[in-house]
N, C-alpha and C. Protein backbone atom coordinates (compact mmCIF):
# COMPACT_ATOMS: atom_id res chain seq x y z
N MET A 1 0.84 -1.18 0.00
CA MET A 1 0.00 0.00 0.00
C MET A 1 0.89 1.25 0.00
N SER A 2 0.59 2.18 -0.89
CA SER A 2 1.42 3.38 -0.98
C SER A 2 0.95 4.45 0.01
N LYS A 3 1.86 5.29 0.36
CA LYS A 3 1.58 6.39 1.28
C LYS A 3 0.74 7.45 0.56
N GLN A 4 -0.24 7.98 1.25
CA GLN A 4 -1.07 9.04 0.69
C GLN A 4 -0.24 10.30 0.52
N THR A 5 -0.27 10.88 -0.67
CA THR A 5 0.57 12.03 -0.97
C THR A 5 -0.22 13.33 -1.07
N PHE A 6 -1.43 13.32 -0.58
CA PHE A 6 -2.25 14.53 -0.57
C PHE A 6 -2.99 14.58 0.76
N SER A 7 -3.58 15.72 1.03
CA SER A 7 -4.34 15.88 2.26
C SER A 7 -5.59 16.70 1.98
N ILE A 8 -6.71 16.24 2.48
CA ILE A 8 -7.96 16.99 2.43
C ILE A 8 -8.52 16.98 3.85
N ARG A 9 -8.60 18.16 4.45
CA ARG A 9 -9.07 18.28 5.84
C ARG A 9 -10.18 19.33 5.91
N THR A 10 -11.07 19.12 6.84
CA THR A 10 -12.10 20.13 7.10
C THR A 10 -11.97 20.62 8.53
N SER A 11 -12.35 21.84 8.73
CA SER A 11 -12.41 22.39 10.08
C SER A 11 -13.69 23.18 10.22
N LYS A 12 -14.24 23.15 11.39
CA LYS A 12 -15.50 23.82 11.67
C LYS A 12 -15.30 24.81 12.81
N GLY A 13 -16.32 25.60 13.05
CA GLY A 13 -16.34 26.40 14.24
C GLY A 13 -15.66 27.76 14.15
N ARG A 14 -15.39 28.22 12.94
CA ARG A 14 -14.85 29.58 12.86
C ARG A 14 -15.90 30.56 13.36
N LYS A 15 -15.46 31.67 13.90
CA LYS A 15 -16.38 32.65 14.47
C LYS A 15 -17.40 33.15 13.45
N ASP A 16 -17.00 33.22 12.19
CA ASP A 16 -17.92 33.72 11.16
C ASP A 16 -18.83 32.63 10.60
N GLY A 17 -18.73 31.41 11.12
CA GLY A 17 -19.61 30.32 10.69
C GLY A 17 -19.22 29.66 9.38
N ILE A 18 -18.04 29.95 8.88
CA ILE A 18 -17.59 29.36 7.63
C ILE A 18 -16.80 28.09 7.91
N GLN A 19 -17.17 27.02 7.25
CA GLN A 19 -16.41 25.77 7.34
C GLN A 19 -15.27 25.85 6.33
N THR A 20 -14.10 25.32 6.68
CA THR A 20 -12.93 25.36 5.81
C THR A 20 -12.57 23.95 5.36
N LEU A 21 -12.29 23.83 4.07
CA LEU A 21 -11.79 22.58 3.49
C LEU A 21 -10.42 22.89 2.92
N GLN A 22 -9.39 22.27 3.46
CA GLN A 22 -8.02 22.53 3.02
C GLN A 22 -7.52 21.35 2.19
N MET A 23 -6.95 21.65 1.01
CA MET A 23 -6.44 20.62 0.10
C MET A 23 -4.99 20.95 -0.21
N GLU A 24 -4.11 19.93 -0.12
CA GLU A 24 -2.69 20.18 -0.38
C GLU A 24 -2.00 18.89 -0.83
N GLY A 25 -0.79 19.07 -1.35
CA GLY A 25 0.03 17.92 -1.75
C GLY A 25 -0.05 17.62 -3.22
N GLU A 26 -0.08 16.35 -3.55
CA GLU A 26 -0.11 15.84 -4.92
C GLU A 26 -1.56 15.80 -5.38
N LEU A 27 -2.03 16.88 -5.99
CA LEU A 27 -3.42 17.00 -6.43
C LEU A 27 -3.48 16.72 -7.93
N SER A 28 -3.40 15.42 -8.26
CA SER A 28 -3.31 15.05 -9.67
C SER A 28 -4.03 13.73 -9.93
N PHE A 29 -4.00 13.30 -11.19
CA PHE A 29 -4.68 12.08 -11.61
C PHE A 29 -4.23 10.87 -10.81
N ARG A 30 -3.01 10.87 -10.32
CA ARG A 30 -2.50 9.73 -9.54
C ARG A 30 -3.35 9.48 -8.30
N ASN A 31 -3.93 10.53 -7.77
CA ASN A 31 -4.72 10.42 -6.54
C ASN A 31 -6.21 10.68 -6.77
N ALA A 32 -6.65 10.67 -8.01
CA ALA A 32 -8.02 11.09 -8.31
C ALA A 32 -9.07 10.27 -7.57
N ASP A 33 -8.97 8.95 -7.60
CA ASP A 33 -9.98 8.12 -6.93
C ASP A 33 -9.99 8.36 -5.42
N ALA A 34 -8.81 8.42 -4.82
CA ALA A 34 -8.72 8.66 -3.38
C ALA A 34 -9.23 10.05 -3.01
N MET A 35 -8.90 11.06 -3.82
CA MET A 35 -9.39 12.41 -3.53
C MET A 35 -10.91 12.48 -3.64
N ALA A 36 -11.47 11.83 -4.67
CA ALA A 36 -12.93 11.82 -4.83
C ALA A 36 -13.58 11.19 -3.60
N GLY A 37 -13.00 10.11 -3.10
CA GLY A 37 -13.53 9.48 -1.90
C GLY A 37 -13.45 10.38 -0.69
N GLU A 38 -12.33 11.08 -0.54
CA GLU A 38 -12.18 12.01 0.59
C GLU A 38 -13.18 13.15 0.50
N LEU A 39 -13.43 13.65 -0.70
CA LEU A 39 -14.40 14.74 -0.86
C LEU A 39 -15.81 14.25 -0.54
N ARG A 40 -16.13 13.01 -0.90
CA ARG A 40 -17.45 12.46 -0.56
C ARG A 40 -17.62 12.35 0.95
N LYS A 41 -16.54 12.09 1.66
CA LYS A 41 -16.60 11.93 3.12
C LYS A 41 -16.35 13.23 3.88
N ALA A 42 -16.20 14.34 3.19
CA ALA A 42 -15.76 15.59 3.82
C ALA A 42 -16.70 16.10 4.90
N GLY A 43 -17.96 15.77 4.84
CA GLY A 43 -18.88 16.20 5.89
C GLY A 43 -19.13 17.69 5.91
N ILE A 44 -19.43 18.26 4.76
CA ILE A 44 -19.69 19.70 4.68
C ILE A 44 -21.08 19.98 5.25
N THR A 45 -21.10 20.88 6.22
CA THR A 45 -22.36 21.28 6.85
C THR A 45 -22.43 22.80 6.84
N GLY A 46 -23.58 23.32 7.05
CA GLY A 46 -23.72 24.78 7.08
C GLY A 46 -23.95 25.34 5.70
N SER A 47 -23.90 26.65 5.62
CA SER A 47 -24.25 27.31 4.36
C SER A 47 -23.08 28.04 3.71
N ARG A 48 -21.90 28.01 4.34
CA ARG A 48 -20.74 28.71 3.77
C ARG A 48 -19.50 27.83 3.89
N LEU A 49 -18.74 27.77 2.78
CA LEU A 49 -17.55 26.94 2.73
C LEU A 49 -16.40 27.72 2.11
N LEU A 50 -15.25 27.66 2.74
CA LEU A 50 -14.02 28.22 2.20
C LEU A 50 -13.12 27.05 1.83
N ILE A 51 -12.74 26.97 0.55
CA ILE A 51 -11.82 25.94 0.09
C ILE A 51 -10.45 26.60 -0.03
N LYS A 52 -9.46 26.04 0.67
CA LYS A 52 -8.09 26.54 0.61
C LYS A 52 -7.23 25.49 -0.10
N ILE A 53 -6.59 25.90 -1.18
CA ILE A 53 -5.69 25.03 -1.92
C ILE A 53 -4.30 25.63 -1.78
N GLU A 54 -3.42 24.91 -1.04
CA GLU A 54 -2.11 25.44 -0.75
C GLU A 54 -1.12 24.30 -0.53
N ASN A 55 0.15 24.64 -0.43
CA ASN A 55 1.21 23.64 -0.25
C ASN A 55 1.10 22.53 -1.29
N VAL A 56 0.88 22.93 -2.53
CA VAL A 56 0.66 21.99 -3.63
C VAL A 56 1.99 21.58 -4.25
N VAL A 57 2.18 20.27 -4.38
CA VAL A 57 3.38 19.71 -5.00
C VAL A 57 3.16 19.54 -6.49
N ASN A 58 1.97 19.07 -6.86
CA ASN A 58 1.61 18.87 -8.26
C ASN A 58 0.11 19.05 -8.39
N LEU A 59 -0.32 19.53 -9.54
CA LEU A 59 -1.72 19.81 -9.78
C LEU A 59 -1.97 19.63 -11.27
N ASP A 60 -3.11 19.06 -11.63
CA ASP A 60 -3.42 18.91 -13.04
C ASP A 60 -4.91 19.11 -13.29
N VAL A 61 -5.30 18.96 -14.54
CA VAL A 61 -6.67 19.21 -14.94
C VAL A 61 -7.64 18.21 -14.30
N THR A 62 -7.18 17.00 -14.03
CA THR A 62 -8.03 16.02 -13.35
C THR A 62 -8.48 16.54 -11.99
N PHE A 63 -7.54 17.11 -11.25
CA PHE A 63 -7.91 17.70 -9.96
C PHE A 63 -8.90 18.82 -10.17
N TYR A 64 -8.67 19.67 -11.16
CA TYR A 64 -9.57 20.80 -11.40
C TYR A 64 -10.99 20.29 -11.69
N GLN A 65 -11.10 19.21 -12.43
CA GLN A 65 -12.42 18.64 -12.72
C GLN A 65 -13.09 18.14 -11.44
N LEU A 66 -12.33 17.48 -10.57
CA LEU A 66 -12.88 17.04 -9.28
C LEU A 66 -13.32 18.24 -8.45
N TYR A 67 -12.46 19.26 -8.42
CA TYR A 67 -12.77 20.49 -7.68
C TYR A 67 -14.07 21.11 -8.18
N LEU A 68 -14.20 21.25 -9.51
CA LEU A 68 -15.41 21.87 -10.07
C LEU A 68 -16.66 21.05 -9.74
N ALA A 69 -16.57 19.74 -9.86
CA ALA A 69 -17.72 18.89 -9.55
C ALA A 69 -18.12 19.05 -8.08
N PHE A 70 -17.12 19.12 -7.19
CA PHE A 70 -17.40 19.28 -5.77
C PHE A 70 -18.05 20.64 -5.49
N VAL A 71 -17.51 21.70 -6.09
CA VAL A 71 -18.07 23.04 -5.90
C VAL A 71 -19.51 23.10 -6.40
N ARG A 72 -19.75 22.54 -7.57
CA ARG A 72 -21.10 22.56 -8.14
C ARG A 72 -22.08 21.77 -7.27
N LYS A 73 -21.62 20.65 -6.72
CA LYS A 73 -22.47 19.87 -5.82
C LYS A 73 -22.83 20.69 -4.59
N CYS A 74 -21.84 21.34 -4.01
CA CYS A 74 -22.09 22.19 -2.83
C CYS A 74 -23.06 23.32 -3.17
N GLN A 75 -22.81 23.99 -4.28
CA GLN A 75 -23.69 25.10 -4.67
C GLN A 75 -25.11 24.61 -4.93
N GLY A 76 -25.25 23.41 -5.49
CA GLY A 76 -26.57 22.81 -5.71
C GLY A 76 -27.31 22.53 -4.41
N GLN A 77 -26.54 22.41 -3.33
CA GLN A 77 -27.14 22.19 -2.00
C GLN A 77 -27.32 23.51 -1.25
N GLY A 78 -27.11 24.62 -1.96
CA GLY A 78 -27.32 25.93 -1.35
C GLY A 78 -26.15 26.43 -0.53
N ILE A 79 -24.99 25.83 -0.69
CA ILE A 79 -23.80 26.24 0.07
C ILE A 79 -23.05 27.30 -0.73
N GLU A 80 -22.76 28.41 -0.09
CA GLU A 80 -21.95 29.47 -0.70
C GLU A 80 -20.48 29.04 -0.61
N VAL A 81 -19.80 28.98 -1.76
CA VAL A 81 -18.41 28.50 -1.80
C VAL A 81 -17.48 29.62 -2.23
N ARG A 82 -16.40 29.77 -1.48
CA ARG A 82 -15.32 30.69 -1.84
C ARG A 82 -14.03 29.89 -1.84
N THR A 83 -13.12 30.22 -2.77
CA THR A 83 -11.87 29.47 -2.88
C THR A 83 -10.67 30.40 -2.81
N GLU A 84 -9.67 29.99 -2.05
CA GLU A 84 -8.38 30.69 -2.00
C GLU A 84 -7.33 29.71 -2.51
N VAL A 85 -6.57 30.15 -3.52
CA VAL A 85 -5.57 29.28 -4.14
C VAL A 85 -4.20 29.92 -4.00
N SER A 86 -3.24 29.15 -3.50
CA SER A 86 -1.86 29.60 -3.39
C SER A 86 -0.99 28.53 -4.07
N LEU A 87 -0.49 28.86 -5.26
CA LEU A 87 0.31 27.91 -6.03
C LEU A 87 1.67 28.49 -6.35
N PRO A 88 2.68 27.63 -6.49
CA PRO A 88 3.97 28.10 -6.99
C PRO A 88 3.81 28.61 -8.43
N GLU A 89 4.70 29.45 -8.86
CA GLU A 89 4.59 30.08 -10.18
C GLU A 89 4.49 29.06 -11.31
N ASP A 90 5.24 27.97 -11.25
CA ASP A 90 5.19 26.99 -12.35
C ASP A 90 3.80 26.36 -12.48
N LEU A 91 3.15 26.09 -11.36
CA LEU A 91 1.81 25.52 -11.42
C LEU A 91 0.78 26.55 -11.82
N ARG A 92 0.97 27.80 -11.40
CA ARG A 92 0.06 28.87 -11.86
C ARG A 92 0.17 29.01 -13.36
N GLY A 93 1.39 28.93 -13.90
CA GLY A 93 1.59 29.00 -15.35
C GLY A 93 0.91 27.85 -16.07
N LEU A 94 1.01 26.66 -15.51
CA LEU A 94 0.34 25.49 -16.09
C LEU A 94 -1.16 25.71 -16.15
N MET A 95 -1.73 26.19 -15.06
CA MET A 95 -3.18 26.45 -15.04
C MET A 95 -3.56 27.56 -16.01
N ARG A 96 -2.74 28.59 -16.08
CA ARG A 96 -2.99 29.69 -17.01
C ARG A 96 -2.97 29.17 -18.45
N ASN A 97 -1.98 28.35 -18.79
CA ASN A 97 -1.87 27.79 -20.14
C ASN A 97 -3.02 26.86 -20.48
N ALA A 98 -3.59 26.22 -19.45
CA ALA A 98 -4.74 25.34 -19.66
C ALA A 98 -6.05 26.13 -19.71
N GLY A 99 -5.98 27.44 -19.52
CA GLY A 99 -7.17 28.28 -19.57
C GLY A 99 -7.94 28.31 -18.26
N ILE A 100 -7.31 27.86 -17.18
CA ILE A 100 -7.98 27.83 -15.87
C ILE A 100 -7.53 29.04 -15.08
N ARG A 101 -8.15 30.15 -15.35
CA ARG A 101 -7.74 31.42 -14.77
C ARG A 101 -8.02 31.49 -13.26
N GLU A 102 -8.99 30.75 -12.81
CA GLU A 102 -9.33 30.75 -11.38
C GLU A 102 -8.15 30.32 -10.52
N PHE A 103 -7.27 29.46 -11.07
CA PHE A 103 -6.13 28.96 -10.34
C PHE A 103 -4.84 29.63 -10.77
N ALA A 104 -4.90 30.54 -11.72
CA ALA A 104 -3.69 31.14 -12.29
C ALA A 104 -3.22 32.35 -11.52
């Protein structure tokens, strides 16, 4: 069994009532099935969610597709979603070249 190379964590109880979902590490096709499973188990409650994407080692379009599907699911449940992305310049360039300006 290989070591998990990504992390998806949730935290609750911020004073402003926003739940946080933090994603980091190897966010790519190599971990797509495991990431999808973690997102299904994330336990998002409440009406506001902040997604933080940081400390990223690798990122690709597969992750972006998972991210979009998750955001759309949350929005369909009436959850207001905001995202903060912090990527190294090379990964921002990759996202920019792929036309994904939200992550660029």
